[in-house]
Amino acid sequence: MALKRAVRTGGDFLDLKQLVRDSGGECLAIFKIVEFQASEKATGFEGLNLPVIADVLVCSGPRSGEVHLGERFIGAITSALRGVRNPKIAKGETEQAPVNEVGDEIVTRLKILNPNAANAGVVGDEPSDAECDSIELIYQDGKAWTNGEVKAEADKPKVAASTGGKKRPW
């Protein structure tokens, strides 16, 4: 009997850890804030989840140009999306109101924190100027949110030329 490869059968959601892995370790993305949901008790540890609903535009890696609408995020990434750190309940910290607003488009460099640990999670770091410049090629002054196939319209040779032929500008 021939071996058959297992397929991912997870829900219909954007898996940020897999997105970062597919991109080789880091990935640039734009998150358009749709909604800040009420906090909820976390499961599996003493803490709070601060859910954020956002649209996502992937701006680097093999999935560059993908648009994911209405994704719900919890965990470490919500700190970058809200613009304030997530509270550490064990240290007596309380939830802070978000600094970012609904409609804001947050540019971030995604990476996996504690990649080999059971509590691995995706965080959003501040992108460099070069990274922001490369994002503009995909973003196209906001047109990318509605383009069906952004990849075909992006000027890929410009990215390669501006990065000295490297795969990524950073």
C-alpha atoms as a PDB file:
ATOM      1  CA  MET A   1       0.000   0.000   0.000  1.00  0.00           C
ATOM      2  CA  ALA A   2       1.392   3.426  -0.939  1.00  0.00           C
ATOM      3  CA  LEU A   3       1.923   6.105   1.669  1.00  0.00           C
ATOM      4  CA  LYS A   4      -0.486   8.976   1.589  1.00  0.00           C
ATOM      5  CA  ARG A   5       0.454  12.411   2.877  1.00  0.00           C
ATOM      6  CA  ALA A   6      -1.772  13.879   5.584  1.00  0.00           C
ATOM      7  CA  VAL A   7      -3.430  17.176   4.759  1.00  0.00           C
ATOM      8  CA  ARG A   8      -4.156  20.077   7.069  1.00  0.00           C
ATOM      9  CA  THR A   9      -7.741  19.842   8.197  1.00  0.00           C
ATOM     10  CA  GLY A  10      -7.857  22.852  10.495  1.00  0.00           C
ATOM     11  CA  GLY A  11     -10.598  25.421  10.368  1.00  0.00           C
ATOM     12  CA  ASP A  12     -10.919  28.006   7.668  1.00  0.00           C
ATOM     13  CA  PHE A  13      -8.590  30.539   9.270  1.00  0.00           C
ATOM     14  CA  LEU A  14      -5.215  32.135   8.680  1.00  0.00           C
ATOM     15  CA  ASP A  15      -2.582  30.246  10.676  1.00  0.00           C
ATOM     16  CA  LEU A  16       0.031  32.913  11.415  1.00  0.00           C
ATOM     17  CA  LYS A  17       2.640  30.388  12.585  1.00  0.00           C
ATOM     18  CA  GLN A  18       2.336  28.472   9.315  1.00  0.00           C
ATOM     19  CA  LEU A  19       2.449  31.731   7.339  1.00  0.00           C
ATOM     20  CA  VAL A  20       5.749  32.653   9.026  1.00  0.00           C
ATOM     21  CA  ARG A  21       7.155  29.147   8.493  1.00  0.00           C
ATOM     22  CA  ASP A  22       6.140  29.241   4.815  1.00  0.00           C
ATOM     23  CA  SER A  23       8.023  32.551   4.517  1.00  0.00           C
ATOM     24  CA  GLY A  24      11.245  31.129   5.921  1.00  0.00           C
ATOM     25  CA  GLY A  25      11.213  32.654   9.397  1.00  0.00           C
ATOM     26  CA  GLU A  26       9.695  36.136   9.102  1.00  0.00           C
ATOM     27  CA  CYS A  27       6.852  37.623   7.097  1.00  0.00           C
ATOM     28  CA  LEU A  28       5.669  41.153   6.400  1.00  0.00           C
ATOM     29  CA  ALA A  29       1.943  41.839   6.644  1.00  0.00           C
ATOM     30  CA  ILE A  30      -0.591  44.637   6.941  1.00  0.00           C
ATOM     31  CA  PHE A  31      -3.472  44.227   9.382  1.00  0.00           C
ATOM     32  CA  LYS A  32      -6.541  46.436   8.887  1.00  0.00           C
ATOM     33  CA  ILE A  33      -8.355  46.648  12.223  1.00  0.00           C
ATOM     34  CA  VAL A  34     -12.046  45.745  11.904  1.00  0.00           C
ATOM     35  CA  GLU A  35     -13.078  45.313  15.543  1.00  0.00           C
ATOM     36  CA  PHE A  36     -11.734  45.097  19.088  1.00  0.00           C
ATOM     37  CA  GLN A  37     -13.761  42.471  20.935  1.00  0.00           C
ATOM     38  CA  ALA A  38     -14.372  42.263  24.682  1.00  0.00           C
ATOM     39  CA  SER A  39     -11.695  40.498  26.713  1.00  0.00           C
ATOM     40  CA  GLU A  40     -12.272  36.876  27.659  1.00  0.00           C
ATOM     41  CA  LYS A  41     -10.680  34.454  30.104  1.00  0.00           C
ATOM     42  CA  ALA A  42      -7.871  32.515  28.477  1.00  0.00           C
ATOM     43  CA  THR A  43      -7.906  28.743  28.468  1.00  0.00           C
ATOM     44  CA  GLY A  44      -4.846  26.784  29.497  1.00  0.00           C
ATOM     45  CA  PHE A  45      -3.209  29.567  31.512  1.00  0.00           C
ATOM     46  CA  GLU A  46      -4.072  32.335  33.948  1.00  0.00           C
ATOM     47  CA  GLY A  47      -4.692  35.322  31.722  1.00  0.00           C
ATOM     48  CA  LEU A  48      -6.896  37.204  29.314  1.00  0.00           C
ATOM     49  CA  ASN A  49      -7.461  36.957  25.600  1.00  0.00           C
ATOM     50  CA  LEU A  50      -7.997  40.317  23.938  1.00  0.00           C
ATOM     51  CA  PRO A  51      -9.519  39.333  20.572  1.00  0.00           C
ATOM     52  CA  VAL A  52      -9.019  41.534  17.534  1.00  0.00           C
ATOM     53  CA  ILE A  53     -10.826  41.084  14.215  1.00  0.00           C
ATOM     54  CA  ALA A  54      -8.672  42.233  11.302  1.00  0.00           C
ATOM     55  CA  ASP A  55      -8.233  41.901   7.564  1.00  0.00           C
ATOM     56  CA  VAL A  56      -4.724  40.741   6.595  1.00  0.00           C
ATOM     57  CA  LEU A  57      -2.648  41.468   3.501  1.00  0.00           C
ATOM     58  CA  VAL A  58       0.416  39.214   3.234  1.00  0.00           C
ATOM     59  CA  CYS A  59       3.294  41.295   1.846  1.00  0.00           C
ATOM     60  CA  SER A  60       6.274  38.916   1.606  1.00  0.00           C
ATOM     61  CA  GLY A  61       7.124  35.300   1.063  1.00  0.00           C
ATOM     62  CA  PRO A  62       5.488  32.776  -1.240  1.00  0.00           C
ATOM     63  CA  ARG A  63       1.998  33.847  -0.141  1.00  0.00           C
ATOM     64  CA  SER A  64       2.606  37.524  -0.890  1.00  0.00           C
ATOM     65  CA  GLY A  65      -0.536  39.224  -2.143  1.00  0.00           C
ATOM     66  CA  GLU A  66      -2.987  37.010  -0.260  1.00  0.00           C
ATOM     67  CA  VAL A  67      -5.862  38.869   1.394  1.00  0.00           C
ATOM     68  CA  HIS A  68      -7.681  37.311   4.359  1.00  0.00           C
ATOM     69  CA  LEU A  69     -10.821  39.103   5.516  1.00  0.00           C
ATOM     70  CA  GLY A  70     -12.363  39.104   8.986  1.00  0.00           C
ATOM     71  CA  GLU A  71      -9.770  36.975  10.771  1.00  0.00           C
ATOM     72  CA  ARG A  72     -10.043  36.701  14.575  1.00  0.00           C
ATOM     73  CA  PHE A  73      -6.765  36.898  16.478  1.00  0.00           C
ATOM     74  CA  ILE A  74      -5.913  36.173  20.106  1.00  0.00           C
ATOM     75  CA  GLY A  75      -2.542  35.818  21.800  1.00  0.00           C
ATOM     76  CA  ALA A  76       0.702  37.721  21.409  1.00  0.00           C
ATOM     77  CA  ILE A  77      -0.107  39.310  18.030  1.00  0.00           C
ATOM     78  CA  THR A  78      -2.949  41.336  19.570  1.00  0.00           C
ATOM     79  CA  SER A  79      -0.415  43.500  21.397  1.00  0.00           C
ATOM     80  CA  ALA A  80       0.843  44.888  18.078  1.00  0.00           C
ATOM     81  CA  LEU A  81      -2.697  45.173  16.720  1.00  0.00           C
ATOM     82  CA  ARG A  82      -4.003  47.011  19.772  1.00  0.00           C
ATOM     83  CA  GLY A  83      -0.875  49.159  20.128  1.00  0.00           C
ATOM     84  CA  VAL A  84      -0.444  48.371  23.845  1.00  0.00           C
ATOM     85  CA  ARG A  85       1.124  45.428  25.627  1.00  0.00           C
ATOM     86  CA  ASN A  86      -1.087  42.563  26.670  1.00  0.00           C
ATOM     87  CA  PRO A  87      -1.539  42.407  30.463  1.00  0.00           C
ATOM     88  CA  LYS A  88       0.306  39.872  32.581  1.00  0.00           C
ATOM     89  CA  ILE A  89      -2.321  38.879  35.145  1.00  0.00           C
ATOM     90  CA  ALA A  90       0.287  37.153  37.365  1.00  0.00           C
ATOM     91  CA  LYS A  91       2.037  40.533  37.717  1.00  0.00           C
ATOM     92  CA  GLY A  92      -1.201  42.306  38.595  1.00  0.00           C
ATOM     93  CA  GLU A  93      -1.441  44.136  35.263  1.00  0.00           C
ATOM     94  CA  THR A  94      -4.849  45.056  33.897  1.00  0.00           C
ATOM     95  CA  GLU A  95      -6.183  45.482  30.389  1.00  0.00           C
ATOM     96  CA  GLN A  96      -5.434  48.820  28.719  1.00  0.00           C
ATOM     97  CA  ALA A  97      -7.617  50.493  26.115  1.00  0.00           C
ATOM     98  CA  PRO A  98      -6.227  50.077  22.579  1.00  0.00           C
ATOM     99  CA  VAL A  99      -4.194  52.946  21.127  1.00  0.00           C
ATOM    100  CA  ASN A 100      -4.923  51.852  17.557  1.00  0.00           C
ATOM    101  CA  GLU A 101      -8.396  52.437  16.148  1.00  0.00           C
ATOM    102  CA  VAL A 102     -10.814  50.544  13.947  1.00  0.00           C
ATOM    103  CA  GLY A 103      -9.775  51.195  10.347  1.00  0.00           C
ATOM    104  CA  ASP A 104      -6.063  51.610  11.137  1.00  0.00           C
ATOM    105  CA  GLU A 105      -3.714  49.643   8.902  1.00  0.00           C
ATOM    106  CA  ILE A 106      -0.856  48.247  10.969  1.00  0.00           C
ATOM    107  CA  VAL A 107       2.340  47.266   9.140  1.00  0.00           C
ATOM    108  CA  THR A 108       4.290  44.568  10.962  1.00  0.00           C
ATOM    109  CA  ARG A 109       7.064  42.019  10.638  1.00  0.00           C
ATOM    110  CA  LEU A 110       5.724  38.708  11.911  1.00  0.00           C
ATOM    111  CA  LYS A 111       7.991  36.219  13.640  1.00  0.00           C
ATOM    112  CA  ILE A 112       7.549  33.217  15.901  1.00  0.00           C
ATOM    113  CA  LEU A 113       8.446  33.763  19.538  1.00  0.00           C
ATOM    114  CA  ASN A 114       9.734  30.611  21.303  1.00  0.00           C
ATOM    115  CA  PRO A 115       9.592  28.611  18.048  1.00  0.00           C
ATOM    116  CA  ASN A 116      10.551  25.268  19.600  1.00  0.00           C
ATOM    117  CA  ALA A 117       8.418  25.587  22.719  1.00  0.00           C
ATOM    118  CA  ALA A 118       4.875  24.422  23.399  1.00  0.00           C
ATOM    119  CA  ASN A 119       3.834  28.055  23.898  1.00  0.00           C
ATOM    120  CA  ALA A 120       5.215  29.269  20.558  1.00  0.00           C
ATOM    121  CA  GLY A 121       3.288  32.255  19.265  1.00  0.00           C
ATOM    122  CA  VAL A 122       3.475  34.890  16.559  1.00  0.00           C
ATOM    123  CA  VAL A 123       4.426  38.429  17.501  1.00  0.00           C
ATOM    124  CA  GLY A 124       4.464  41.579  15.421  1.00  0.00           C
ATOM    125  CA  ASP A 125       7.636  43.657  15.351  1.00  0.00           C
ATOM    126  CA  GLU A 126       8.199  47.132  13.974  1.00  0.00           C
ATOM    127  CA  PRO A 127       9.352  46.874  10.346  1.00  0.00           C
ATOM    128  CA  SER A 128      12.436  48.690   9.028  1.00  0.00           C
ATOM    129  CA  ASP A 129      12.266  51.494   6.459  1.00  0.00           C
ATOM    130  CA  ALA A 130      13.413  49.059   3.746  1.00  0.00           C
ATOM    131  CA  GLU A 131      10.658  46.639   4.715  1.00  0.00           C
ATOM    132  CA  CYS A 132       8.057  49.409   4.568  1.00  0.00           C
ATOM    133  CA  ASP A 133       9.303  50.360   1.095  1.00  0.00           C
ATOM    134  CA  SER A 134       8.933  46.753  -0.082  1.00  0.00           C
ATOM    135  CA  ILE A 135       5.418  46.586   1.375  1.00  0.00           C
ATOM    136  CA  GLU A 136       4.385  49.576  -0.751  1.00  0.00           C
ATOM    137  CA  LEU A 137       4.956  47.478  -3.888  1.00  0.00           C
ATOM    138  CA  ILE A 138       2.248  45.055  -2.750  1.00  0.00           C
ATOM    139  CA  TYR A 139      -0.031  47.551  -0.975  1.00  0.00           C
ATOM    140  CA  GLN A 140      -0.387  49.830  -4.022  1.00  0.00           C
ATOM    141  CA  ASP A 141      -1.888  52.742  -2.069  1.00  0.00           C
ATOM    142  CA  GLY A 142      -4.636  50.487  -0.701  1.00  0.00           C
ATOM    143  CA  LYS A 143      -5.628  48.857  -3.995  1.00  0.00           C
ATOM    144  CA  ALA A 144      -4.314  45.501  -2.767  1.00  0.00           C
ATOM    145  CA  TRP A 145      -7.329  45.055  -0.472  1.00  0.00           C
ATOM    146  CA  THR A 146      -9.639  44.739  -3.489  1.00  0.00           C
ATOM    147  CA  ASN A 147      -7.382  43.340  -6.228  1.00  0.00           C
ATOM    148  CA  GLY A 148      -8.130  39.742  -7.038  1.00  0.00           C
ATOM    149  CA  GLU A 149      -4.560  38.933  -8.052  1.00  0.00           C
ATOM    150  CA  VAL A 150      -2.148  41.421  -6.559  1.00  0.00           C
ATOM    151  CA  LYS A 151       0.902  39.239  -7.266  1.00  0.00           C
ATOM    152  CA  ALA A 152       0.523  39.624 -11.021  1.00  0.00           C
ATOM    153  CA  GLU A 153       0.391  43.421 -10.768  1.00  0.00           C
ATOM    154  CA  ALA A 154       3.271  43.861  -8.318  1.00  0.00           C
ATOM    155  CA  ASP A 155       6.531  45.031  -9.870  1.00  0.00           C
ATOM    156  CA  LYS A 156       8.688  42.117  -8.683  1.00  0.00           C
ATOM    157  CA  PRO A 157      11.910  43.165 -10.475  1.00  0.00           C
ATOM    158  CA  LYS A 158      11.961  46.391  -8.448  1.00  0.00           C
ATOM    159  CA  VAL A 159      12.072  44.389  -5.221  1.00  0.00           C
ATOM    160  CA  ALA A 160      14.989  42.280  -6.415  1.00  0.00           C
ATOM    161  CA  ALA A 161      16.888  45.332  -7.733  1.00  0.00           C
ATOM    162  CA  SER A 162      16.411  47.343  -4.541  1.00  0.00           C
ATOM    163  CA  THR A 163      17.635  44.453  -2.391  1.00  0.00           C
ATOM    164  CA  GLY A 164      20.829  43.771  -4.274  1.00  0.00           C
ATOM    165  CA  GLY A 165      19.382  40.526  -5.624  1.00  0.00           C
ATOM    166  CA  LYS A 166      18.600  39.117  -2.184  1.00  0.00           C
ATOM    167  CA  LYS A 167      15.386  37.232  -1.541  1.00  0.00           C
ATOM    168  CA  ARG A 168      14.298  39.732   1.115  1.00  0.00           C
ATOM    169  CA  PRO A 169      15.067  43.430   1.630  1.00  0.00           C
ATOM    170  CA  TRP A 170      16.112  42.941   5.273  1.00  0.00           C
END
